[in-house]
Amino acid sequence: DVFTFFSQLVPQGLDRLMLAVAVF
């Protein structure tokens, strides 16, 4: 989440994907 805000290199949607992985 933090890297998504500070870096444009992070693909859009990666924050949601990582959250889904954490819940899984």
mmCIF file of all heavy atoms, coordinates in Angstrom:
data_MODEL
# 
_entry.id   MODEL 
# 
loop_
_atom_site.group_PDB 
_atom_site.id 
_atom_site.type_symbol 
_atom_site.label_atom_id 
_atom_site.label_alt_id 
_atom_site.label_comp_id 
_atom_site.label_asym_id 
_atom_site.label_entity_id 
_atom_site.label_seq_id 
_atom_site.pdbx_PDB_ins_code 
_atom_site.Cartn_x 
_atom_site.Cartn_y 
_atom_site.Cartn_z 
_atom_site.occupancy 
_atom_site.B_iso_or_equiv 
_atom_site.pdbx_formal_charge 
_atom_site.auth_seq_id 
_atom_site.auth_comp_id 
_atom_site.auth_asym_id 
_atom_site.auth_atom_id 
_atom_site.pdbx_PDB_model_num 
ATOM 1   N N   . ASP A 1 1  ? 0.830  -1.210  0.000   1.00 0.00 ? 1  ASP A N   1 
ATOM 2   C CA  . ASP A 1 1  ? 0.000  0.000   0.000   1.00 0.00 ? 1  ASP A CA  1 
ATOM 3   C C   . ASP A 1 1  ? 0.865  1.260   0.000   1.00 0.00 ? 1  ASP A C   1 
ATOM 4   O O   . ASP A 1 1  ? 0.595  2.217   -0.743  1.00 0.00 ? 1  ASP A O   1 
ATOM 5   C CB  . ASP A 1 1  ? -0.913 0.013   1.230   1.00 0.00 ? 1  ASP A CB  1 
ATOM 6   C CG  . ASP A 1 1  ? -2.024 -1.010  1.149   1.00 0.00 ? 1  ASP A CG  1 
ATOM 7   O OD1 . ASP A 1 1  ? -2.278 -1.522  0.041   1.00 0.00 ? 1  ASP A OD1 1 
ATOM 8   O OD2 . ASP A 1 1  ? -2.637 -1.307  2.189   1.00 0.00 ? 1  ASP A OD2 1 
ATOM 9   N N   . VAL A 1 2  ? 1.891  1.261   0.815   1.00 0.00 ? 2  VAL A N   1 
ATOM 10  C CA  . VAL A 1 2  ? 2.761  2.432   0.914   1.00 0.00 ? 2  VAL A CA  1 
ATOM 11  C C   . VAL A 1 2  ? 3.544  2.629   -0.379  1.00 0.00 ? 2  VAL A C   1 
ATOM 12  O O   . VAL A 1 2  ? 3.639  3.748   -0.907  1.00 0.00 ? 2  VAL A O   1 
ATOM 13  C CB  . VAL A 1 2  ? 3.706  2.284   2.119   1.00 0.00 ? 2  VAL A CB  1 
ATOM 14  C CG1 . VAL A 1 2  ? 4.719  3.432   2.144   1.00 0.00 ? 2  VAL A CG1 1 
ATOM 15  C CG2 . VAL A 1 2  ? 2.923  2.261   3.425   1.00 0.00 ? 2  VAL A CG2 1 
ATOM 16  N N   . PHE A 1 3  ? 4.094  1.547   -0.932  1.00 0.00 ? 3  PHE A N   1 
ATOM 17  C CA  . PHE A 1 3  ? 4.866  1.655   -2.173  1.00 0.00 ? 3  PHE A CA  1 
ATOM 18  C C   . PHE A 1 3  ? 3.985  2.060   -3.341  1.00 0.00 ? 3  PHE A C   1 
ATOM 19  O O   . PHE A 1 3  ? 4.436  2.738   -4.262  1.00 0.00 ? 3  PHE A O   1 
ATOM 20  C CB  . PHE A 1 3  ? 5.577  0.336   -2.478  1.00 0.00 ? 3  PHE A CB  1 
ATOM 21  C CG  . PHE A 1 3  ? 6.888  0.172   -1.768  1.00 0.00 ? 3  PHE A CG  1 
ATOM 22  C CD1 . PHE A 1 3  ? 7.064  -0.807  -0.812  1.00 0.00 ? 3  PHE A CD1 1 
ATOM 23  C CD2 . PHE A 1 3  ? 7.958  1.016   -2.059  1.00 0.00 ? 3  PHE A CD2 1 
ATOM 24  C CE1 . PHE A 1 3  ? 8.273  -0.959  -0.150  1.00 0.00 ? 3  PHE A CE1 1 
ATOM 25  C CE2 . PHE A 1 3  ? 9.172  0.881   -1.401  1.00 0.00 ? 3  PHE A CE2 1 
ATOM 26  C CZ  . PHE A 1 3  ? 9.331  -0.111  -0.442  1.00 0.00 ? 3  PHE A CZ  1 
ATOM 27  N N   . THR A 1 4  ? 2.722  1.639   -3.330  1.00 0.00 ? 4  THR A N   1 
ATOM 28  C CA  . THR A 1 4  ? 1.801  2.024   -4.403  1.00 0.00 ? 4  THR A CA  1 
ATOM 29  C C   . THR A 1 4  ? 1.621  3.537   -4.456  1.00 0.00 ? 4  THR A C   1 
ATOM 30  O O   . THR A 1 4  ? 1.479  4.122   -5.538  1.00 0.00 ? 4  THR A O   1 
ATOM 31  C CB  . THR A 1 4  ? 0.437  1.337   -4.200  1.00 0.00 ? 4  THR A CB  1 
ATOM 32  O OG1 . THR A 1 4  ? 0.612  -0.082  -4.230  1.00 0.00 ? 4  THR A OG1 1 
ATOM 33  C CG2 . THR A 1 4  ? -0.549 1.731   -5.287  1.00 0.00 ? 4  THR A CG2 1 
ATOM 34  N N   . PHE A 1 5  ? 1.628  4.187   -3.293  1.00 0.00 ? 5  PHE A N   1 
ATOM 35  C CA  . PHE A 1 5  ? 1.458  5.632   -3.249  1.00 0.00 ? 5  PHE A CA  1 
ATOM 36  C C   . PHE A 1 5  ? 2.737  6.363   -3.656  1.00 0.00 ? 5  PHE A C   1 
ATOM 37  O O   . PHE A 1 5  ? 2.689  7.347   -4.404  1.00 0.00 ? 5  PHE A O   1 
ATOM 38  C CB  . PHE A 1 5  ? 1.041  6.072   -1.847  1.00 0.00 ? 5  PHE A CB  1 
ATOM 39  C CG  . PHE A 1 5  ? 0.953  7.565   -1.671  1.00 0.00 ? 5  PHE A CG  1 
ATOM 40  C CD1 . PHE A 1 5  ? -0.103 8.281   -2.215  1.00 0.00 ? 5  PHE A CD1 1 
ATOM 41  C CD2 . PHE A 1 5  ? 1.932  8.255   -0.975  1.00 0.00 ? 5  PHE A CD2 1 
ATOM 42  C CE1 . PHE A 1 5  ? -0.186 9.657   -2.073  1.00 0.00 ? 5  PHE A CE1 1 
ATOM 43  C CE2 . PHE A 1 5  ? 1.862  9.619   -0.817  1.00 0.00 ? 5  PHE A CE2 1 
ATOM 44  C CZ  . PHE A 1 5  ? 0.803  10.328  -1.363  1.00 0.00 ? 5  PHE A CZ  1 
ATOM 45  N N   . PHE A 1 6  ? 3.875  5.877   -3.217  1.00 0.00 ? 6  PHE A N   1 
ATOM 46  C CA  . PHE A 1 6  ? 5.123  6.613   -3.418  1.00 0.00 ? 6  PHE A CA  1 
ATOM 47  C C   . PHE A 1 6  ? 5.833  6.278   -4.728  1.00 0.00 ? 6  PHE A C   1 
ATOM 48  O O   . PHE A 1 6  ? 6.711  7.025   -5.147  1.00 0.00 ? 6  PHE A O   1 
ATOM 49  C CB  . PHE A 1 6  ? 6.091  6.355   -2.258  1.00 0.00 ? 6  PHE A CB  1 
ATOM 50  C CG  . PHE A 1 6  ? 5.706  7.066   -0.986  1.00 0.00 ? 6  PHE A CG  1 
ATOM 51  C CD1 . PHE A 1 6  ? 5.149  6.360   0.064   1.00 0.00 ? 6  PHE A CD1 1 
ATOM 52  C CD2 . PHE A 1 6  ? 5.877  8.437   -0.856  1.00 0.00 ? 6  PHE A CD2 1 
ATOM 53  C CE1 . PHE A 1 6  ? 4.783  7.010   1.238   1.00 0.00 ? 6  PHE A CE1 1 
ATOM 54  C CE2 . PHE A 1 6  ? 5.505  9.090   0.299   1.00 0.00 ? 6  PHE A CE2 1 
ATOM 55  C CZ  . PHE A 1 6  ? 4.957  8.377   1.352   1.00 0.00 ? 6  PHE A CZ  1 
ATOM 56  N N   . SER A 1 7  ? 5.485  5.192   -5.386  1.00 0.00 ? 7  SER A N   1 
ATOM 57  C CA  . SER A 1 7  ? 6.188  4.796   -6.603  1.00 0.00 ? 7  SER A CA  1 
ATOM 58  C C   . SER A 1 7  ? 5.206  4.552   -7.732  1.00 0.00 ? 7  SER A C   1 
ATOM 59  O O   . SER A 1 7  ? 4.208  3.838   -7.563  1.00 0.00 ? 7  SER A O   1 
ATOM 60  C CB  . SER A 1 7  ? 7.010  3.527   -6.343  1.00 0.00 ? 7  SER A CB  1 
ATOM 61  O OG  . SER A 1 7  ? 7.621  3.083   -7.540  1.00 0.00 ? 7  SER A OG  1 
ATOM 62  N N   . GLN A 1 8  ? 5.520  5.128   -8.885  1.00 0.00 ? 8  GLN A N   1 
ATOM 63  C CA  . GLN A 1 8  ? 4.702  4.909   -10.074 1.00 0.00 ? 8  GLN A CA  1 
ATOM 64  C C   . GLN A 1 8  ? 5.014  3.573   -10.751 1.00 0.00 ? 8  GLN A C   1 
ATOM 65  O O   . GLN A 1 8  ? 4.310  3.173   -11.676 1.00 0.00 ? 8  GLN A O   1 
ATOM 66  C CB  . GLN A 1 8  ? 4.943  6.048   -11.081 1.00 0.00 ? 8  GLN A CB  1 
ATOM 67  C CG  . GLN A 1 8  ? 4.567  7.418   -10.568 1.00 0.00 ? 8  GLN A CG  1 
ATOM 68  C CD  . GLN A 1 8  ? 3.073  7.568   -10.336 1.00 0.00 ? 8  GLN A CD  1 
ATOM 69  O OE1 . GLN A 1 8  ? 2.277  6.953   -11.050 1.00 0.00 ? 8  GLN A OE1 1 
ATOM 70  N NE2 . GLN A 1 8  ? 2.685  8.353   -9.349  1.00 0.00 ? 8  GLN A NE2 1 
ATOM 71  N N   . LEU A 1 9  ? 6.078  2.903   -10.303 1.00 0.00 ? 9  LEU A N   1 
ATOM 72  C CA  . LEU A 1 9  ? 6.475  1.636   -10.910 1.00 0.00 ? 9  LEU A CA  1 
ATOM 73  C C   . LEU A 1 9  ? 5.601  0.468   -10.444 1.00 0.00 ? 9  LEU A C   1 
ATOM 74  O O   . LEU A 1 9  ? 5.608  -0.588  -11.065 1.00 0.00 ? 9  LEU A O   1 
ATOM 75  C CB  . LEU A 1 9  ? 7.945  1.337   -10.586 1.00 0.00 ? 9  LEU A CB  1 
ATOM 76  C CG  . LEU A 1 9  ? 8.963  2.369   -11.094 1.00 0.00 ? 9  LEU A CG  1 
ATOM 77  C CD1 . LEU A 1 9  ? 10.367 1.982   -10.640 1.00 0.00 ? 9  LEU A CD1 1 
ATOM 78  C CD2 . LEU A 1 9  ? 8.906  2.475   -12.616 1.00 0.00 ? 9  LEU A CD2 1 
ATOM 79  N N   . VAL A 1 10 ? 4.881  0.663   -9.342  1.00 0.00 ? 10 VAL A N   1 
ATOM 80  C CA  . VAL A 1 10 ? 4.031  -0.413  -8.816  1.00 0.00 ? 10 VAL A CA  1 
ATOM 81  C C   . VAL A 1 10 ? 2.790  -0.527  -9.700  1.00 0.00 ? 10 VAL A C   1 
ATOM 82  O O   . VAL A 1 10 ? 2.075  0.457   -9.901  1.00 0.00 ? 10 VAL A O   1 
ATOM 83  C CB  . VAL A 1 10 ? 3.628  -0.128  -7.360  1.00 0.00 ? 10 VAL A CB  1 
ATOM 84  C CG1 . VAL A 1 10 ? 2.719  -1.233  -6.847  1.00 0.00 ? 10 VAL A CG1 1 
ATOM 85  C CG2 . VAL A 1 10 ? 4.864  -0.003  -6.479  1.00 0.00 ? 10 VAL A CG2 1 
ATOM 86  N N   . PRO A 1 11 ? 2.517  -1.699  -10.271 1.00 0.00 ? 11 PRO A N   1 
ATOM 87  C CA  . PRO A 1 11 ? 1.334  -1.845  -11.135 1.00 0.00 ? 11 PRO A CA  1 
ATOM 88  C C   . PRO A 1 11 ? 0.041  -1.575  -10.372 1.00 0.00 ? 11 PRO A C   1 
ATOM 89  O O   . PRO A 1 11 ? -0.081 -1.924  -9.193  1.00 0.00 ? 11 PRO A O   1 
ATOM 90  C CB  . PRO A 1 11 ? 1.409  -3.304  -11.591 1.00 0.00 ? 11 PRO A CB  1 
ATOM 91  C CG  . PRO A 1 11 ? 2.818  -3.730  -11.344 1.00 0.00 ? 11 PRO A CG  1 
ATOM 92  C CD  . PRO A 1 11 ? 3.287  -2.935  -10.166 1.00 0.00 ? 11 PRO A CD  1 
ATOM 93  N N   . GLN A 1 12 ? -0.907 -0.971  -11.055 1.00 0.00 ? 12 GLN A N   1 
ATOM 94  C CA  . GLN A 1 12 ? -2.192 -0.706  -10.422 1.00 0.00 ? 12 GLN A CA  1 
ATOM 95  C C   . GLN A 1 12 ? -2.908 -2.019  -10.118 1.00 0.00 ? 12 GLN A C   1 
ATOM 96  O O   . GLN A 1 12 ? -2.958 -2.920  -10.950 1.00 0.00 ? 12 GLN A O   1 
ATOM 97  C CB  . GLN A 1 12 ? -3.072 0.157   -11.326 1.00 0.00 ? 12 GLN A CB  1 
ATOM 98  C CG  . GLN A 1 12 ? -4.370 0.597   -10.663 1.00 0.00 ? 12 GLN A CG  1 
ATOM 99  C CD  . GLN A 1 12 ? -5.212 1.465   -11.582 1.00 0.00 ? 12 GLN A CD  1 
ATOM 100 O OE1 . GLN A 1 12 ? -5.035 1.442   -12.787 1.00 0.00 ? 12 GLN A OE1 1 
ATOM 101 N NE2 . GLN A 1 12 ? -6.135 2.229   -11.016 1.00 0.00 ? 12 GLN A NE2 1 
ATOM 102 N N   . GLY A 1 13 ? -3.446 -2.114  -8.933  1.00 0.00 ? 13 GLY A N   1 
ATOM 103 C CA  . GLY A 1 13 ? -4.139 -3.311  -8.515  1.00 0.00 ? 13 GLY A CA  1 
ATOM 104 C C   . GLY A 1 13 ? -3.293 -4.258  -7.689  1.00 0.00 ? 13 GLY A C   1 
ATOM 105 O O   . GLY A 1 13 ? -3.823 -5.208  -7.096  1.00 0.00 ? 13 GLY A O   1 
ATOM 106 N N   . LEU A 1 14 ? -1.969 -4.005  -7.627  1.00 0.00 ? 14 LEU A N   1 
ATOM 107 C CA  . LEU A 1 14 ? -1.107 -4.892  -6.846  1.00 0.00 ? 14 LEU A CA  1 
ATOM 108 C C   . LEU A 1 14 ? -1.422 -4.818  -5.356  1.00 0.00 ? 14 LEU A C   1 
ATOM 109 O O   . LEU A 1 14 ? -1.296 -5.816  -4.635  1.00 0.00 ? 14 LEU A O   1 
ATOM 110 C CB  . LEU A 1 14 ? 0.365  -4.536  -7.089  1.00 0.00 ? 14 LEU A CB  1 
ATOM 111 C CG  . LEU A 1 14 ? 1.392  -5.473  -6.437  1.00 0.00 ? 14 LEU A CG  1 
ATOM 112 C CD1 . LEU A 1 14 ? 1.255  -6.886  -6.997  1.00 0.00 ? 14 LEU A CD1 1 
ATOM 113 C CD2 . LEU A 1 14 ? 2.810  -4.951  -6.664  1.00 0.00 ? 14 LEU A CD2 1 
ATOM 114 N N   . ASP A 1 15 ? -1.856 -3.630  -4.884  1.00 0.00 ? 15 ASP A N   1 
ATOM 115 C CA  . ASP A 1 15 ? -2.209 -3.503  -3.466  1.00 0.00 ? 15 ASP A CA  1 
ATOM 116 C C   . ASP A 1 15 ? -3.401 -4.384  -3.120  1.00 0.00 ? 15 ASP A C   1 
ATOM 117 O O   . ASP A 1 15 ? -3.418 -5.057  -2.080  1.00 0.00 ? 15 ASP A O   1 
ATOM 118 C CB  . ASP A 1 15 ? -2.496 -2.038  -3.126  1.00 0.00 ? 15 ASP A CB  1 
ATOM 119 C CG  . ASP A 1 15 ? -3.541 -1.409  -4.031  1.00 0.00 ? 15 ASP A CG  1 
ATOM 120 O OD1 . ASP A 1 15 ? -3.816 -1.988  -5.109  1.00 0.00 ? 15 ASP A OD1 1 
ATOM 121 O OD2 . ASP A 1 15 ? -4.071 -0.339  -3.687  1.00 0.00 ? 15 ASP A OD2 1 
ATOM 122 N N   . ARG A 1 16 ? -4.421 -4.407  -4.012  1.00 0.00 ? 16 ARG A N   1 
ATOM 123 C CA  . ARG A 1 16 ? -5.584 -5.261  -3.764  1.00 0.00 ? 16 ARG A CA  1 
ATOM 124 C C   . ARG A 1 16 ? -5.200 -6.745  -3.874  1.00 0.00 ? 16 ARG A C   1 
ATOM 125 O O   . ARG A 1 16 ? -5.697 -7.577  -3.111  1.00 0.00 ? 16 ARG A O   1 
ATOM 126 C CB  . ARG A 1 16 ? -6.695 -4.942  -4.759  1.00 0.00 ? 16 ARG A CB  1 
ATOM 127 C CG  . ARG A 1 16 ? -7.252 -3.525  -4.652  1.00 0.00 ? 16 ARG A CG  1 
ATOM 128 C CD  . ARG A 1 16 ? -7.969 -3.312  -3.327  1.00 0.00 ? 16 ARG A CD  1 
ATOM 129 N NE  . ARG A 1 16 ? -8.691 -2.075  -3.302  1.00 0.00 ? 16 ARG A NE  1 
ATOM 130 C CZ  . ARG A 1 16 ? -8.195 -0.900  -2.899  1.00 0.00 ? 16 ARG A CZ  1 
ATOM 131 N NH1 . ARG A 1 16 ? -6.937 -0.835  -2.477  1.00 0.00 ? 16 ARG A NH1 1 
ATOM 132 N NH2 . ARG A 1 16 ? -8.934 0.189   -2.903  1.00 0.00 ? 16 ARG A NH2 1 
ATOM 133 N N   . LEU A 1 17 ? -4.328 -7.066  -4.816  1.00 0.00 ? 17 LEU A N   1 
ATOM 134 C CA  . LEU A 1 17 ? -3.904 -8.455  -4.975  1.00 0.00 ? 17 LEU A CA  1 
ATOM 135 C C   . LEU A 1 17 ? -3.175 -8.947  -3.732  1.00 0.00 ? 17 LEU A C   1 
ATOM 136 O O   . LEU A 1 17 ? -3.423 -10.061 -3.254  1.00 0.00 ? 17 LEU A O   1 
ATOM 137 C CB  . LEU A 1 17 ? -3.003 -8.592  -6.204  1.00 0.00 ? 17 LEU A CB  1 
ATOM 138 C CG  . LEU A 1 17 ? -2.461 -9.997  -6.485  1.00 0.00 ? 17 LEU A CG  1 
ATOM 139 C CD1 . LEU A 1 17 ? -3.601 -10.974 -6.729  1.00 0.00 ? 17 LEU A CD1 1 
ATOM 140 C CD2 . LEU A 1 17 ? -1.504 -9.974  -7.674  1.00 0.00 ? 17 LEU A CD2 1 
ATOM 141 N N   . MET A 1 18 ? -2.304 -8.104  -3.165  1.00 0.00 ? 18 MET A N   1 
ATOM 142 C CA  . MET A 1 18 ? -1.562 -8.511  -1.974  1.00 0.00 ? 18 MET A CA  1 
ATOM 143 C C   . MET A 1 18 ? -2.496 -8.661  -0.780  1.00 0.00 ? 18 MET A C   1 
ATOM 144 O O   . MET A 1 18 ? -2.316 -9.558  0.050   1.00 0.00 ? 18 MET A O   1 
ATOM 145 C CB  . MET A 1 18 ? -0.474 -7.473  -1.671  1.00 0.00 ? 18 MET A CB  1 
ATOM 146 C CG  . MET A 1 18 ? 0.523  -7.928  -0.617  1.00 0.00 ? 18 MET A CG  1 
ATOM 147 S SD  . MET A 1 18 ? 1.452  -9.372  -1.148  1.00 0.00 ? 18 MET A SD  1 
ATOM 148 C CE  . MET A 1 18 ? 1.390  -10.381 0.324   1.00 0.00 ? 18 MET A CE  1 
ATOM 149 N N   . LEU A 1 19 ? -3.503 -7.793  -0.693  1.00 0.00 ? 19 LEU A N   1 
ATOM 150 C CA  . LEU A 1 19 ? -4.478 -7.917  0.388   1.00 0.00 ? 19 LEU A CA  1 
ATOM 151 C C   . LEU A 1 19 ? -5.280 -9.210  0.237   1.00 0.00 ? 19 LEU A C   1 
ATOM 152 O O   . LEU A 1 19 ? -5.559 -9.909  1.225   1.00 0.00 ? 19 LEU A O   1 
ATOM 153 C CB  . LEU A 1 19 ? -5.415 -6.706  0.401   1.00 0.00 ? 19 LEU A CB  1 
ATOM 154 C CG  . LEU A 1 19 ? -6.493 -6.684  1.489   1.00 0.00 ? 19 LEU A CG  1 
ATOM 155 C CD1 . LEU A 1 19 ? -5.872 -6.775  2.877   1.00 0.00 ? 19 LEU A CD1 1 
ATOM 156 C CD2 . LEU A 1 19 ? -7.353 -5.425  1.362   1.00 0.00 ? 19 LEU A CD2 1 
ATOM 157 N N   . ALA A 1 20 ? -5.655 -9.555  -1.007  1.00 0.00 ? 20 ALA A N   1 
ATOM 158 C CA  . ALA A 1 20 ? -6.375 -10.798 -1.248  1.00 0.00 ? 20 ALA A CA  1 
ATOM 159 C C   . ALA A 1 20 ? -5.517 -12.002 -0.859  1.00 0.00 ? 20 ALA A C   1 
ATOM 160 O O   . ALA A 1 20 ? -6.017 -12.977 -0.279  1.00 0.00 ? 20 ALA A O   1 
ATOM 161 C CB  . ALA A 1 20 ? -6.789 -10.897 -2.714  1.00 0.00 ? 20 ALA A CB  1 
ATOM 162 N N   . VAL A 1 21 ? -4.217 -11.941 -1.180  1.00 0.00 ? 21 VAL A N   1 
ATOM 163 C CA  . VAL A 1 21 ? -3.308 -13.028 -0.794  1.00 0.00 ? 21 VAL A CA  1 
ATOM 164 C C   . VAL A 1 21 ? -3.239 -13.148 0.725   1.00 0.00 ? 21 VAL A C   1 
ATOM 165 O O   . VAL A 1 21 ? -3.273 -14.259 1.284   1.00 0.00 ? 21 VAL A O   1 
ATOM 166 C CB  . VAL A 1 21 ? -1.913 -12.791 -1.388  1.00 0.00 ? 21 VAL A CB  1 
ATOM 167 C CG1 . VAL A 1 21 ? -0.894 -13.764 -0.793  1.00 0.00 ? 21 VAL A CG1 1 
ATOM 168 C CG2 . VAL A 1 21 ? -1.943 -12.928 -2.905  1.00 0.00 ? 21 VAL A CG2 1 
ATOM 169 N N   . ALA A 1 22 ? -3.157 -12.016 1.422   1.00 0.00 ? 22 ALA A N   1 
ATOM 170 C CA  . ALA A 1 22 ? -3.078 -12.036 2.891   1.00 0.00 ? 22 ALA A CA  1 
ATOM 171 C C   . ALA A 1 22 ? -4.329 -12.673 3.498   1.00 0.00 ? 22 ALA A C   1 
ATOM 172 O O   . ALA A 1 22 ? -4.238 -13.487 4.430   1.00 0.00 ? 22 ALA A O   1 
ATOM 173 C CB  . ALA A 1 22 ? -2.888 -10.618 3.421   1.00 0.00 ? 22 ALA A CB  1 
ATOM 174 N N   . VAL A 1 23 ? -5.504 -12.315 2.969   1.00 0.00 ? 23 VAL A N   1 
ATOM 175 C CA  . VAL A 1 23 ? -6.743 -12.879 3.491   1.00 0.00 ? 23 VAL A CA  1 
ATOM 176 C C   . VAL A 1 23 ? -6.820 -14.370 3.175   1.00 0.00 ? 23 VAL A C   1 
ATOM 177 O O   . VAL A 1 23 ? -7.259 -15.177 4.007   1.00 0.00 ? 23 VAL A O   1 
ATOM 178 C CB  . VAL A 1 23 ? -7.961 -12.129 2.904   1.00 0.00 ? 23 VAL A CB  1 
ATOM 179 C CG1 . VAL A 1 23 ? -9.260 -12.754 3.395   1.00 0.00 ? 23 VAL A CG1 1 
ATOM 180 C CG2 . VAL A 1 23 ? -7.914 -10.659 3.298   1.00 0.00 ? 23 VAL A CG2 1 
ATOM 181 N N   . PHE A 1 24 ? -6.369 -14.764 1.973   1.00 0.00 ? 24 PHE A N   1 
ATOM 182 C CA  . PHE A 1 24 ? -6.378 -16.179 1.603   1.00 0.00 ? 24 PHE A CA  1 
ATOM 183 C C   . PHE A 1 24 ? -5.441 -16.984 2.507   1.00 0.00 ? 24 PHE A C   1 
ATOM 184 O O   . PHE A 1 24 ? -5.789 -18.099 2.941   1.00 0.00 ? 24 PHE A O   1 
ATOM 185 C CB  . PHE A 1 24 ? -5.968 -16.339 0.145   1.00 0.00 ? 24 PHE A CB  1 
ATOM 186 C CG  . PHE A 1 24 ? -5.935 -17.766 -0.323  1.00 0.00 ? 24 PHE A CG  1 
ATOM 187 C CD1 . PHE A 1 24 ? -7.109 -18.430 -0.628  1.00 0.00 ? 24 PHE A CD1 1 
ATOM 188 C CD2 . PHE A 1 24 ? -4.725 -18.436 -0.452  1.00 0.00 ? 24 PHE A CD2 1 
ATOM 189 C CE1 . PHE A 1 24 ? -7.080 -19.755 -1.054  1.00 0.00 ? 24 PHE A CE1 1 
ATOM 190 C CE2 . PHE A 1 24 ? -4.692 -19.757 -0.870  1.00 0.00 ? 24 PHE A CE2 1 
ATOM 191 C CZ  . PHE A 1 24 ? -5.867 -20.419 -1.181  1.00 0.00 ? 24 PHE A CZ  1 
# 
